[in-house]
PDB file of N, CA and C in Angstrom:
ATOM      1  N   MET A   1      -2.257 -20.178 -11.290  1.00  0.00           N
ATOM      2  CA  MET A   1      -0.823 -20.015 -11.444  1.00  0.00           C
ATOM      3  C   MET A   1      -0.341 -18.659 -11.407  1.00  0.00           C
ATOM      4  N   LYS A   2      -1.036 -17.615 -11.794  1.00  0.00           N
ATOM      5  CA  LYS A   2      -0.765 -16.310 -11.598  1.00  0.00           C
ATOM      6  C   LYS A   2      -0.651 -15.832 -10.196  1.00  0.00           C
ATOM      7  N   ASN A   3      -1.547 -16.313  -9.372  1.00  0.00           N
ATOM      8  CA  ASN A   3      -1.714 -15.845  -8.099  1.00  0.00           C
ATOM      9  C   ASN A   3      -0.574 -16.602  -7.177  1.00  0.00           C
ATOM     10  N   ILE A   4      -0.183 -17.715  -7.819  1.00  0.00           N
ATOM     11  CA  ILE A   4       0.956 -18.331  -7.049  1.00  0.00           C
ATOM     12  C   ILE A   4       2.326 -17.642  -7.144  1.00  0.00           C
ATOM     13  N   LEU A   5       2.522 -17.303  -8.371  1.00  0.00           N
ATOM     14  CA  LEU A   5       3.659 -16.502  -8.895  1.00  0.00           C
ATOM     15  C   LEU A   5       3.780 -15.290  -8.025  1.00  0.00           C
ATOM     16  N   LYS A   6       2.645 -14.551  -7.944  1.00  0.00           N
ATOM     17  CA  LYS A   6       2.488 -13.289  -7.237  1.00  0.00           C
ATOM     18  C   LYS A   6       2.748 -13.516  -5.701  1.00  0.00           C
ATOM     19  N   ASN A   7       2.217 -14.710  -5.084  1.00  0.00           N
ATOM     20  CA  ASN A   7       2.557 -14.683  -3.762  1.00  0.00           C
ATOM     21  C   ASN A   7       4.039 -15.115  -3.542  1.00  0.00           C
ATOM     22  N   ILE A   8       4.522 -15.728  -4.374  1.00  0.00           N
ATOM     23  CA  ILE A   8       6.155 -16.098  -4.260  1.00  0.00           C
ATOM     24  C   ILE A   8       6.882 -14.823  -4.424  1.00  0.00           C
ATOM     25  N   LYS A   9       6.385 -13.970  -5.211  1.00  0.00           N
ATOM     26  CA  LYS A   9       7.207 -12.736  -5.564  1.00  0.00           C
ATOM     27  C   LYS A   9       6.948 -11.839  -4.206  1.00  0.00           C
ATOM     28  N   ASP A  10       5.657 -11.698  -3.726  1.00  0.00           N
ATOM     29  CA  ASP A  10       5.556 -10.860  -2.467  1.00  0.00           C
ATOM     30  C   ASP A  10       6.280 -11.448  -1.091  1.00  0.00           C
ATOM     31  N   VAL A  11       6.505 -12.831  -1.181  1.00  0.00           N
ATOM     32  CA  VAL A  11       7.332 -13.321   0.023  1.00  0.00           C
ATOM     33  C   VAL A  11       8.727 -12.925  -0.220  1.00  0.00           C
ATOM     34  N   LEU A  12       9.326 -13.075  -1.519  1.00  0.00           N
ATOM     35  CA  LEU A  12      10.781 -12.832  -1.610  1.00  0.00           C
ATOM     36  C   LEU A  12      11.100 -11.273  -1.390  1.00  0.00           C
ATOM     37  N   GLN A  13       9.898 -10.499  -1.701  1.00  0.00           N
ATOM     38  CA  GLN A  13      10.311  -8.981  -1.629  1.00  0.00           C
ATOM     39  C   GLN A  13       9.998  -8.474  -0.024  1.00  0.00           C
ATOM     40  N   GLY A  14       9.488  -9.485   0.727  1.00  0.00           N
ATOM     41  CA  GLY A  14       9.120  -9.115   2.055  1.00  0.00           C
ATOM     42  C   GLY A  14       7.786  -8.530   2.264  1.00  0.00           C
ATOM     43  N   LYS A  15       6.991  -8.484   1.256  1.00  0.00           N
ATOM     44  CA  LYS A  15       5.749  -8.072   1.592  1.00  0.00           C
ATOM     45  C   LYS A  15       4.624  -8.877   2.322  1.00  0.00           C
ATOM     46  N   ALA A  16       5.119 -10.155   2.240  1.00  0.00           N
ATOM     47  CA  ALA A  16       4.202 -11.094   2.882  1.00  0.00           C
ATOM     48  C   ALA A  16       5.127 -12.146   3.651  1.00  0.00           C
ATOM     49  N   SER A  17       4.634 -12.638   4.683  1.00  0.00           N
ATOM     50  CA  SER A  17       5.389 -13.825   5.468  1.00  0.00           C
ATOM     51  C   SER A  17       4.903 -15.114   4.899  1.00  0.00           C
ATOM     52  N   VAL A  18       5.850 -16.024   5.064  1.00  0.00           N
ATOM     53  CA  VAL A  18       5.457 -17.428   4.445  1.00  0.00           C
ATOM     54  C   VAL A  18       4.552 -17.865   5.605  1.00  0.00           C
ATOM     55  N   GLY A  19       3.447 -18.471   5.251  1.00  0.00           N
ATOM     56  CA  GLY A  19       2.712 -19.209   6.272  1.00  0.00           C
ATOM     57  C   GLY A  19       1.426 -18.527   6.720  1.00  0.00           C
ATOM     58  N   HIS A  20       1.375 -17.191   6.235  1.00  0.00           N
ATOM     59  CA  HIS A  20       0.100 -16.319   6.673  1.00  0.00           C
ATOM     60  C   HIS A  20      -0.762 -16.207   5.521  1.00  0.00           C
ATOM     61  N   LEU A  21      -1.861 -17.038   5.486  1.00  0.00           N
ATOM     62  CA  LEU A  21      -2.861 -16.982   4.499  1.00  0.00           C
ATOM     63  C   LEU A  21      -3.993 -15.823   4.673  1.00  0.00           C
ATOM     64  N   ARG A  22      -4.372 -15.292   3.520  1.00  0.00           N
ATOM     65  CA  ARG A  22      -5.508 -14.292   3.492  1.00  0.00           C
ATOM     66  C   ARG A  22      -6.744 -14.880   3.955  1.00  0.00           C
ATOM     67  N   SER A  23      -7.610 -13.893   4.538  1.00  0.00           N
ATOM     68  CA  SER A  23      -8.912 -14.307   4.591  1.00  0.00           C
ATOM     69  C   SER A  23      -9.627 -14.575   3.201  1.00  0.00           C
ATOM     70  N   SER A  24     -10.606 -15.306   3.122  1.00  0.00           N
ATOM     71  CA  SER A  24     -11.408 -15.520   2.028  1.00  0.00           C
ATOM     72  C   SER A  24     -12.114 -14.325   1.750  1.00  0.00           C
ATOM     73  N   ARG A  25     -12.201 -13.448   2.783  1.00  0.00           N
ATOM     74  CA  ARG A  25     -13.217 -12.219   2.606  1.00  0.00           C
ATOM     75  C   ARG A  25     -12.157 -11.095   2.110  1.00  0.00           C
ATOM     76  N   TRP A  26     -10.762 -11.241   2.004  1.00  0.00           N
ATOM     77  CA  TRP A  26      -9.959 -10.285   1.611  1.00  0.00           C
ATOM     78  C   TRP A  26     -10.228  -9.623   0.328  1.00  0.00           C
ATOM     79  N   PRO A  27     -10.535 -10.440  -0.863  1.00  0.00           N
ATOM     80  CA  PRO A  27     -10.722  -9.988  -2.096  1.00  0.00           C
ATOM     81  C   PRO A  27     -11.960  -8.943  -2.133  1.00  0.00           C
ATOM     82  N   LYS A  28     -12.944  -9.291  -1.328  1.00  0.00           N
ATOM     83  CA  LYS A  28     -14.134  -8.459  -1.319  1.00  0.00           C
ATOM     84  C   LYS A  28     -13.864  -7.014  -0.565  1.00  0.00           C
ATOM     85  N   VAL A  29     -13.081  -7.101   0.458  1.00  0.00           N
ATOM     86  CA  VAL A  29     -12.680  -5.778   1.242  1.00  0.00           C
ATOM     87  C   VAL A  29     -11.828  -5.105   0.560  1.00  0.00           C
ATOM     88  N   ARG A  30     -10.870  -5.713  -0.099  1.00  0.00           N
ATOM     89  CA  ARG A  30      -9.895  -4.937  -1.029  1.00  0.00           C
ATOM     90  C   ARG A  30     -10.625  -4.195  -2.147  1.00  0.00           C
ATOM     91  N   ALA A  31     -11.575  -4.997  -2.755  1.00  0.00           N
ATOM     92  CA  ALA A  31     -12.270  -4.278  -3.972  1.00  0.00           C
ATOM     93  C   ALA A  31     -13.138  -3.149  -3.388  1.00  0.00           C
ATOM     94  N   GLN A  32     -13.702  -3.355  -2.329  1.00  0.00           N
ATOM     95  CA  GLN A  32     -14.501  -2.208  -1.729  1.00  0.00           C
ATOM     96  C   GLN A  32     -13.642  -1.043  -1.400  1.00  0.00           C
ATOM     97  N   HIS A  33     -12.475  -1.285  -0.726  1.00  0.00           N
ATOM     98  CA  HIS A  33     -11.586  -0.269  -0.483  1.00  0.00           C
ATOM     99  C   HIS A  33     -11.230   0.638  -1.632  1.00  0.00           C
ATOM    100  N   LEU A  34     -10.818  -0.235  -2.703  1.00  0.00           N
ATOM    101  CA  LEU A  34     -10.434   0.507  -4.069  1.00  0.00           C
ATOM    102  C   LEU A  34     -11.471   1.364  -4.701  1.00  0.00           C
ATOM    103  N   THR A  35     -12.697   0.769  -4.527  1.00  0.00           N
ATOM    104  CA  THR A  35     -13.790   1.524  -4.848  1.00  0.00           C
ATOM    105  C   THR A  35     -14.101   2.815  -4.220  1.00  0.00           C
ATOM    106  N   GLU A  36     -13.824   2.665  -3.030  1.00  0.00           N
ATOM    107  CA  GLU A  36     -13.934   4.044  -2.089  1.00  0.00           C
ATOM    108  C   GLU A  36     -12.668   4.935  -2.164  1.00  0.00           C
ATOM    109  N   HIS A  37     -11.558   4.413  -2.408  1.00  0.00           N
ATOM    110  CA  HIS A  37     -10.298   4.976  -2.553  1.00  0.00           C
ATOM    111  C   HIS A  37      -9.385   4.577  -3.603  1.00  0.00           C
ATOM    112  N   PRO A  38      -9.784   5.036  -4.918  1.00  0.00           N
ATOM    113  CA  PRO A  38      -9.380   4.683  -6.107  1.00  0.00           C
ATOM    114  C   PRO A  38      -7.917   5.189  -6.615  1.00  0.00           C
ATOM    115  N   THR A  39      -7.518   5.992  -5.660  1.00  0.00           N
ATOM    116  CA  THR A  39      -6.053   6.709  -6.164  1.00  0.00           C
ATOM    117  C   THR A  39      -5.106   6.570  -4.985  1.00  0.00           C
ATOM    118  N   CYS A  40      -3.916   6.774  -5.260  1.00  0.00           N
ATOM    119  CA  CYS A  40      -2.888   6.640  -4.398  1.00  0.00           C
ATOM    120  C   CYS A  40      -2.983   7.963  -3.317  1.00  0.00           C
ATOM    121  N   ALA A  41      -2.825   7.612  -1.970  1.00  0.00           N
ATOM    122  CA  ALA A  41      -2.995   8.853  -1.025  1.00  0.00           C
ATOM    123  C   ALA A  41      -1.920   9.632  -1.122  1.00  0.00           C
ATOM    124  N   VAL A  42      -0.666   9.279  -1.782  1.00  0.00           N
ATOM    125  CA  VAL A  42       0.335  10.279  -1.856  1.00  0.00           C
ATOM    126  C   VAL A  42       0.356  10.988  -3.063  1.00  0.00           C
ATOM    127  N   CYS A  43       0.245  10.425  -4.229  1.00  0.00           N
ATOM    128  CA  CYS A  43       0.463  11.071  -5.465  1.00  0.00           C
ATOM    129  C   CYS A  43      -0.745  11.071  -6.299  1.00  0.00           C
ATOM    130  N   ASN A  44      -1.784  10.524  -6.007  1.00  0.00           N
ATOM    131  CA  ASN A  44      -3.248  10.512  -6.767  1.00  0.00           C
ATOM    132  C   ASN A  44      -3.127   9.615  -8.080  1.00  0.00           C
ATOM    133  N   SER A  45      -1.973   8.925  -8.078  1.00  0.00           N
ATOM    134  CA  SER A  45      -1.840   7.930  -9.384  1.00  0.00           C
ATOM    135  C   SER A  45      -3.231   6.856  -9.207  1.00  0.00           C
ATOM    136  N   THR A  46      -3.463   6.443 -10.459  1.00  0.00           N
ATOM    137  CA  THR A  46      -4.469   5.443 -10.430  1.00  0.00           C
ATOM    138  C   THR A  46      -3.842   4.190 -11.184  1.00  0.00           C
ATOM    139  N   THR A  47      -2.675   4.158 -11.269  1.00  0.00           N
ATOM    140  CA  THR A  47      -1.921   3.034 -11.981  1.00  0.00           C
ATOM    141  C   THR A  47      -1.110   2.147 -10.925  1.00  0.00           C
ATOM    142  N   LYS A  48      -1.329   0.893 -11.190  1.00  0.00           N
ATOM    143  CA  LYS A  48      -0.789  -0.076 -10.284  1.00  0.00           C
ATOM    144  C   LYS A  48      -0.956   0.288  -8.766  1.00  0.00           C
ATOM    145  N   ILE A  49      -2.093   0.500  -8.432  1.00  0.00           N
ATOM    146  CA  ILE A  49      -2.358   0.726  -6.828  1.00  0.00           C
ATOM    147  C   ILE A  49      -2.586  -0.588  -6.072  1.00  0.00           C
ATOM    148  N   GLU A  50      -2.178  -0.426  -4.970  1.00  0.00           N
ATOM    149  CA  GLU A  50      -2.227  -1.420  -4.095  1.00  0.00           C
ATOM    150  C   GLU A  50      -2.936  -1.080  -2.614  1.00  0.00           C
ATOM    151  N   VAL A  51      -3.689  -2.001  -2.033  1.00  0.00           N
ATOM    152  CA  VAL A  51      -4.069  -1.696  -0.775  1.00  0.00           C
ATOM    153  C   VAL A  51      -3.011  -2.072   0.219  1.00  0.00           C
ATOM    154  N   HIS A  52      -2.685  -1.178   1.043  1.00  0.00           N
ATOM    155  CA  HIS A  52      -1.639  -1.272   2.021  1.00  0.00           C
ATOM    156  C   HIS A  52      -2.232  -1.428   3.466  1.00  0.00           C
ATOM    157  N   HIS A  53      -1.703  -2.570   4.076  1.00  0.00           N
ATOM    158  CA  HIS A  53      -2.076  -2.593   5.539  1.00  0.00           C
ATOM    159  C   HIS A  53      -1.237  -1.848   6.420  1.00  0.00           C
ATOM    160  N   ILE A  54      -1.787  -0.739   7.134  1.00  0.00           N
ATOM    161  CA  ILE A  54      -0.882   0.078   7.912  1.00  0.00           C
ATOM    162  C   ILE A  54      -0.337  -0.892   9.103  1.00  0.00           C
ATOM    163  N   THR A  55      -0.949  -1.675   9.702  1.00  0.00           N
ATOM    164  CA  THR A  55      -0.383  -2.728  10.631  1.00  0.00           C
ATOM    165  C   THR A  55      -0.376  -3.985   9.758  1.00  0.00           C
ATOM    166  N   PRO A  56       0.735  -4.663   9.369  1.00  0.00           N
ATOM    167  CA  PRO A  56       0.602  -5.675   8.564  1.00  0.00           C
ATOM    168  C   PRO A  56      -0.324  -6.887   9.126  1.00  0.00           C
ATOM    169  N   PHE A  57      -1.005  -7.545   8.421  1.00  0.00           N
ATOM    170  CA  PHE A  57      -1.792  -8.594   8.823  1.00  0.00           C
ATOM    171  C   PHE A  57      -1.065  -9.844   9.376  1.00  0.00           C
ATOM    172  N   HIS A  58       0.048 -10.024   8.898  1.00  0.00           N
ATOM    173  CA  HIS A  58       0.903 -11.105   9.497  1.00  0.00           C
ATOM    174  C   HIS A  58       1.366 -10.634  10.961  1.00  0.00           C
ATOM    175  N   LEU A  59       1.319  -9.522  11.283  1.00  0.00           N
ATOM    176  CA  LEU A  59       1.742  -9.154  12.710  1.00  0.00           C
ATOM    177  C   LEU A  59       0.510  -9.107  13.600  1.00  0.00           C
ATOM    178  N   ASP A  60      -0.705  -8.702  12.956  1.00  0.00           N
ATOM    179  CA  ASP A  60      -1.861  -8.702  13.850  1.00  0.00           C
ATOM    180  C   ASP A  60      -3.076  -9.088  12.826  1.00  0.00           C
ATOM    181  N   PRO A  61      -3.386 -10.435  12.815  1.00  0.00           N
ATOM    182  CA  PRO A  61      -4.349 -10.986  11.847  1.00  0.00           C
ATOM    183  C   PRO A  61      -5.624 -10.445  12.054  1.00  0.00           C
ATOM    184  N   SER A  62      -6.023  -9.827  13.335  1.00  0.00           N
ATOM    185  CA  SER A  62      -7.297  -9.362  13.482  1.00  0.00           C
ATOM    186  C   SER A  62      -7.600  -8.097  12.698  1.00  0.00           C
ATOM    187  N   LYS A  63      -6.496  -7.427  12.323  1.00  0.00           N
ATOM    188  CA  LYS A  63      -6.530  -6.154  11.417  1.00  0.00           C
ATOM    189  C   LYS A  63      -6.619  -6.377  10.042  1.00  0.00           C
ATOM    190  N   GLU A  64      -6.607  -7.654   9.506  1.00  0.00           N
ATOM    191  CA  GLU A  64      -6.539  -7.707   7.965  1.00  0.00           C
ATOM    192  C   GLU A  64      -7.752  -7.212   7.383  1.00  0.00           C
ATOM    193  N   LEU A  65      -8.988  -7.124   7.939  1.00  0.00           N
ATOM    194  CA  LEU A  65      -9.976  -6.815   7.283  1.00  0.00           C
ATOM    195  C   LEU A  65     -10.591  -5.585   7.661  1.00  0.00           C
ATOM    196  N   ASP A  66      -9.851  -4.757   8.492  1.00  0.00           N
ATOM    197  CA  ASP A  66     -10.325  -3.625   9.310  1.00  0.00           C
ATOM    198  C   ASP A  66     -10.058  -2.478   8.243  1.00  0.00           C
ATOM    199  N   THR A  67     -11.195  -1.803   8.011  1.00  0.00           N
ATOM    200  CA  THR A  67     -10.908  -0.887   7.047  1.00  0.00           C
ATOM    201  C   THR A  67     -10.207   0.353   7.525  1.00  0.00           C
ATOM    202  N   ASN A  68     -10.176   0.535   8.733  1.00  0.00           N
ATOM    203  CA  ASN A  68      -9.446   1.670   9.225  1.00  0.00           C
ATOM    204  C   ASN A  68      -7.778   1.304   9.280  1.00  0.00           C
ATOM    205  N   ASN A  69      -7.620   0.082   8.882  1.00  0.00           N
ATOM    206  CA  ASN A  69      -6.127  -0.281   8.741  1.00  0.00           C
ATOM    207  C   ASN A  69      -5.636  -0.291   7.303  1.00  0.00           C
ATOM    208  N   LEU A  70      -6.325   0.221   6.432  1.00  0.00           N
ATOM    209  CA  LEU A  70      -6.035   0.199   5.011  1.00  0.00           C
ATOM    210  C   LEU A  70      -5.751   1.629   4.316  1.00  0.00           C
ATOM    211  N   ILE A  71      -4.862   1.602   3.544  1.00  0.00           N
ATOM    212  CA  ILE A  71      -4.472   2.918   2.714  1.00  0.00           C
ATOM    213  C   ILE A  71      -4.175   2.531   1.337  1.00  0.00           C
ATOM    214  N   THR A  72      -4.569   3.307   0.398  1.00  0.00           N
ATOM    215  CA  THR A  72      -4.195   3.010  -1.088  1.00  0.00           C
ATOM    216  C   THR A  72      -2.804   3.823  -1.424  1.00  0.00           C
ATOM    217  N   LEU A  73      -1.983   2.860  -1.852  1.00  0.00           N
ATOM    218  CA  LEU A  73      -0.572   3.315  -2.406  1.00  0.00           C
ATOM    219  C   LEU A  73      -0.298   2.896  -3.606  1.00  0.00           C
ATOM    220  N   CYS A  74       0.527   3.493  -4.414  1.00  0.00           N
ATOM    221  CA  CYS A  74       0.870   2.781  -5.937  1.00  0.00           C
ATOM    222  C   CYS A  74       2.252   2.425  -5.873  1.00  0.00           C
ATOM    223  N   GLU A  75       2.410   1.641  -6.964  1.00  0.00           N
ATOM    224  CA  GLU A  75       3.639   1.187  -7.316  1.00  0.00           C
ATOM    225  C   GLU A  75       4.325   1.516  -8.670  1.00  0.00           C
ATOM    226  N   THR A  76       3.770   2.745  -9.070  1.00  0.00           N
ATOM    227  CA  THR A  76       3.828   3.190 -10.429  1.00  0.00           C
ATOM    228  C   THR A  76       5.340   3.877 -10.776  1.00  0.00           C
ATOM    229  N   LYS A  77       5.769   4.515  -9.876  1.00  0.00           N
ATOM    230  CA  LYS A  77       7.088   5.321  -9.983  1.00  0.00           C
ATOM    231  C   LYS A  77       6.866   6.387 -10.960  1.00  0.00           C
ATOM    232  N   ALA A  78       5.530   6.880 -11.169  1.00  0.00           N
ATOM    233  CA  ALA A  78       5.097   7.869 -11.845  1.00  0.00           C
ATOM    234  C   ALA A  78       5.706   9.237 -11.574  1.00  0.00           C
ATOM    235  N   ASN A  79       5.911   9.452 -10.462  1.00  0.00           N
ATOM    236  CA  ASN A  79       6.443  10.773  -9.844  1.00  0.00           C
ATOM    237  C   ASN A  79       8.023  10.475  -9.558  1.00  0.00           C
ATOM    238  N   GLY A  80       8.595   9.338 -10.182  1.00  0.00           N
ATOM    239  CA  GLY A  80       9.837   8.895  -9.738  1.00  0.00           C
ATOM    240  C   GLY A  80      10.170   8.241  -8.354  1.00  0.00           C
ATOM    241  N   ILE A  81       8.760   7.834  -7.961  1.00  0.00           N
ATOM    242  CA  ILE A  81       8.899   7.222  -6.618  1.00  0.00           C
ATOM    243  C   ILE A  81       7.644   5.941  -6.579  1.00  0.00           C
ATOM    244  N   ASN A  82       8.034   4.982  -5.953  1.00  0.00           N
ATOM    245  CA  ASN A  82       7.165   3.810  -5.651  1.00  0.00           C
ATOM    246  C   ASN A  82       6.622   4.187  -4.317  1.00  0.00           C
ATOM    247  N   CYS A  83       5.290   4.696  -4.197  1.00  0.00           N
ATOM    248  CA  CYS A  83       4.759   5.131  -2.885  1.00  0.00           C
ATOM    249  C   CYS A  83       4.526   4.227  -1.949  1.00  0.00           C
ATOM    250  N   HIS A  84       4.295   2.905  -2.370  1.00  0.00           N
ATOM    251  CA  HIS A  84       3.952   1.785  -1.516  1.00  0.00           C
ATOM    252  C   HIS A  84       5.271   1.325  -0.824  1.00  0.00           C
ATOM    253  N   LEU A  85       6.342   1.256  -1.368  1.00  0.00           N
ATOM    254  CA  LEU A  85       7.645   1.172  -1.008  1.00  0.00           C
ATOM    255  C   LEU A  85       8.176   2.160  -0.133  1.00  0.00           C
ATOM    256  N   ALA A  86       8.132   3.510  -0.532  1.00  0.00           N
ATOM    257  CA  ALA A  86       8.624   4.572   0.114  1.00  0.00           C
ATOM    258  C   ALA A  86       7.865   4.986   1.368  1.00  0.00           C
ATOM    259  N   PHE A  87       6.484   4.968   1.074  1.00  0.00           N
ATOM    260  CA  PHE A  87       5.786   5.527   2.330  1.00  0.00           C
ATOM    261  C   PHE A  87       5.130   4.525   3.189  1.00  0.00           C
ATOM    262  N   GLY A  88       4.797   3.467   2.587  1.00  0.00           N
ATOM    263  CA  GLY A  88       4.314   2.282   3.424  1.00  0.00           C
ATOM    264  C   GLY A  88       5.335   1.540   3.976  1.00  0.00           C
ATOM    265  N   HIS A  89       6.413   1.494   3.391  1.00  0.00           N
ATOM    266  CA  HIS A  89       7.566   0.530   4.149  1.00  0.00           C
ATOM    267  C   HIS A  89       8.904   1.309   4.238  1.00  0.00           C
ATOM    268  N   LEU A  90       8.876   2.485   4.108  1.00  0.00           N
ATOM    269  CA  LEU A  90      10.128   3.404   4.241  1.00  0.00           C
ATOM    270  C   LEU A  90      11.286   3.033   3.667  1.00  0.00           C
ATOM    271  N   GLY A  91      11.031   2.396   2.332  1.00  0.00           N
ATOM    272  CA  GLY A  91      12.170   1.891   1.591  1.00  0.00           C
ATOM    273  C   GLY A  91      12.505   0.454   1.534  1.00  0.00           C
ATOM    274  N   ASN A  92      11.725  -0.247   2.455  1.00  0.00           N
ATOM    275  CA  ASN A  92      12.265  -1.820   2.648  1.00  0.00           C
ATOM    276  C   ASN A  92      10.907  -2.469   3.103  1.00  0.00           C
ATOM    277  N   TYR A  93      10.371  -3.381   2.237  1.00  0.00           N
ATOM    278  CA  TYR A  93       9.194  -4.016   2.592  1.00  0.00           C
ATOM    279  C   TYR A  93       9.167  -4.731   3.934  1.00  0.00           C
ATOM    280  N   LYS A  94      10.283  -4.899   4.718  1.00  0.00           N
ATOM    281  CA  LYS A  94      10.270  -5.532   5.901  1.00  0.00           C
ATOM    282  C   LYS A  94      10.147  -4.628   6.983  1.00  0.00           C
ATOM    283  N   TYR A  95       9.977  -3.208   6.595  1.00  0.00           N
ATOM    284  CA  TYR A  95       9.575  -2.223   7.561  1.00  0.00           C
ATOM    285  C   TYR A  95       8.174  -1.844   7.605  1.00  0.00           C
ATOM    286  N   VAL A  96       7.903  -1.270   8.798  1.00  0.00           N
ATOM    287  CA  VAL A  96       6.427  -0.905   9.017  1.00  0.00           C
ATOM    288  C   VAL A  96       6.394   0.596   9.327  1.00  0.00           C
ATOM    289  N   ASN A  97       5.670   1.450   8.601  1.00  0.00           N
ATOM    290  CA  ASN A  97       5.450   2.824   8.882  1.00  0.00           C
ATOM    291  C   ASN A  97       4.112   2.955   9.533  1.00  0.00           C
ATOM    292  N   LYS A  98       4.250   3.296  10.829  1.00  0.00           N
ATOM    293  CA  LYS A  98       3.048   3.498  11.640  1.00  0.00           C
ATOM    294  C   LYS A  98       2.330   4.773  11.184  1.00  0.00           C
ATOM    295  N   THR A  99       3.054   5.851  10.737  1.00  0.00           N
ATOM    296  CA  THR A  99       2.570   7.035  10.360  1.00  0.00           C
ATOM    297  C   THR A  99       2.198   7.261   8.987  1.00  0.00           C
ATOM    298  N   VAL A 100       1.958   6.187   8.276  1.00  0.00           N
ATOM    299  CA  VAL A 100       1.853   6.314   6.772  1.00  0.00           C
ATOM    300  C   VAL A 100       0.623   7.303   6.301  1.00  0.00           C
ATOM    301  N   ILE A 101      -0.436   7.198   7.095  1.00  0.00           N
ATOM    302  CA  ILE A 101      -1.523   8.058   6.919  1.00  0.00           C
ATOM    303  C   ILE A 101      -1.076   9.682   7.004  1.00  0.00           C
ATOM    304  N   THR A 102      -0.476  10.042   8.102  1.00  0.00           N
ATOM    305  CA  THR A 102      -0.045  11.405   8.211  1.00  0.00           C
ATOM    306  C   THR A 102       1.010  11.641   7.172  1.00  0.00           C
ATOM    307  N   ASP A 103       1.904  10.748   6.791  1.00  0.00           N
ATOM    308  CA  ASP A 103       2.940  11.088   5.816  1.00  0.00           C
ATOM    309  C   ASP A 103       2.392  11.198   4.539  1.00  0.00           C
ATOM    310  N   ALA A 104       1.393  10.409   4.225  1.00  0.00           N
ATOM    311  CA  ALA A 104       0.695  10.401   2.786  1.00  0.00           C
ATOM    312  C   ALA A 104      -0.012  11.788   2.627  1.00  0.00           C
ATOM    313  N   LYS A 105      -0.648  12.183   3.633  1.00  0.00           N
ATOM    314  CA  LYS A 105      -1.438  13.552   3.598  1.00  0.00           C
ATOM    315  C   LYS A 105      -0.530  14.548   3.425  1.00  0.00           C
ATOM    316  N   HIS A 106       0.504  14.557   4.162  1.00  0.00           N
ATOM    317  CA  HIS A 106       1.633  15.579   4.135  1.00  0.00           C
ATOM    318  C   HIS A 106       2.265  15.725   2.519  1.00  0.00           C
ATOM    319  N   TRP A 107       2.669  14.544   2.296  1.00  0.00           N
ATOM    320  CA  TRP A 107       3.272  14.652   0.888  1.00  0.00           C
ATOM    321  C   TRP A 107       2.306  14.879  -0.215  1.00  0.00           C
ATOM    322  N   ASN A 108       1.049  14.524  -0.010  1.00  0.00           N
ATOM    323  CA  ASN A 108       0.309  14.744  -1.156  1.00  0.00           C
ATOM    324  C   ASN A 108      -0.106  16.360  -1.230  1.00  0.00           C
ATOM    325  N   ASN A 109      -0.210  16.903  -0.052  1.00  0.00           N
ATOM    326  CA  ASN A 109      -0.237  18.451  -0.128  1.00  0.00           C
ATOM    327  C   ASN A 109       0.830  19.095  -0.623  1.00  0.00           C
ATOM    328  N   LYS A 110       2.284  18.500  -0.278  1.00  0.00           N
ATOM    329  CA  LYS A 110       3.345  18.973  -1.085  1.00  0.00           C
ATOM    330  C   LYS A 110       3.314  18.962  -2.636  1.00  0.00           C
ATOM    331  N   LEU A 111       3.066  17.575  -2.945  1.00  0.00           N
ATOM    332  CA  LEU A 111       2.861  17.384  -4.445  1.00  0.00           C
ATOM    333  C   LEU A 111       1.708  18.353  -5.099  1.00  0.00           C
ATOM    334  N   LYS A 112       0.682  18.503  -4.583  1.00  0.00           N
ATOM    335  CA  LYS A 112      -0.317  19.499  -5.034  1.00  0.00           C
ATOM    336  C   LYS A 112       0.117  20.926  -5.149  1.00  0.00           C
ATOM    337  N   ASN A 113       0.881  21.374  -4.235  1.00  0.00           N
ATOM    338  CA  ASN A 113       1.109  22.763  -4.180  1.00  0.00           C
ATOM    339  C   ASN A 113       2.569  23.009  -4.764  1.00  0.00           C
ATOM    340  N   ARG A 114       3.354  22.056  -5.368  1.00  0.00           N
ATOM    341  CA  ARG A 114       4.567  22.280  -5.831  1.00  0.00           C
ATOM    342  C   ARG A 114       4.599  23.326  -6.905  1.00  0.00           C
ATOM    343  N   LYS A 115       5.692  23.996  -7.154  1.00  0.00           N
ATOM    344  CA  LYS A 115       5.741  24.963  -8.218  1.00  0.00           C
ATOM    345  C   LYS A 115       7.065  24.648  -8.995  1.00  0.00           C
ATOM    346  N   ILE A 116       6.913  24.552 -10.192  1.00  0.00           N
ATOM    347  CA  ILE A 116       8.063  24.345 -11.134  1.00  0.00           C
ATOM    348  C   ILE A 116       8.805  25.621 -11.488  1.00  0.00           C
ATOM    349  N   THR A 117      10.056  25.700 -11.309  1.00  0.00           N
ATOM    350  CA  THR A 117      10.919  26.851 -11.369  1.00  0.00           C
ATOM    351  C   THR A 117      11.782  26.557 -12.504  1.00  0.00           C
ATOM    352  N   LYS A 118      11.947  27.777 -13.199  1.00  0.00           N
ATOM    353  CA  LYS A 118      12.920  27.594 -14.437  1.00  0.00           C
ATOM    354  C   LYS A 118      14.468  28.489 -14.214  1.00  0.00           C
TER     355      LYS A 118
END
């Protein structure tokens, strides 16, 4: 029941299209990716992390299990931002950010090097 509700929520938010089923191998690929990349590529959060497809699998099913098509992003709002929504989807789950890897590296460096001024 929990998976059904998550799938409905994802469709309503535009994260997934109706009718595109995940491969039975997806849970294993996802788990392996999170083992190798356990933090958000933007803010290094370990809370509410998601495996984001750079090219959405419903647009190109051949890339669903391609490890080069995956990046870890969070939905924590820990730094005041939902990295999955902001960087993975440019603020709207219906959008595709093809430069998400470059953007994530850029902003990760900015966040690491930020200075607090008073």
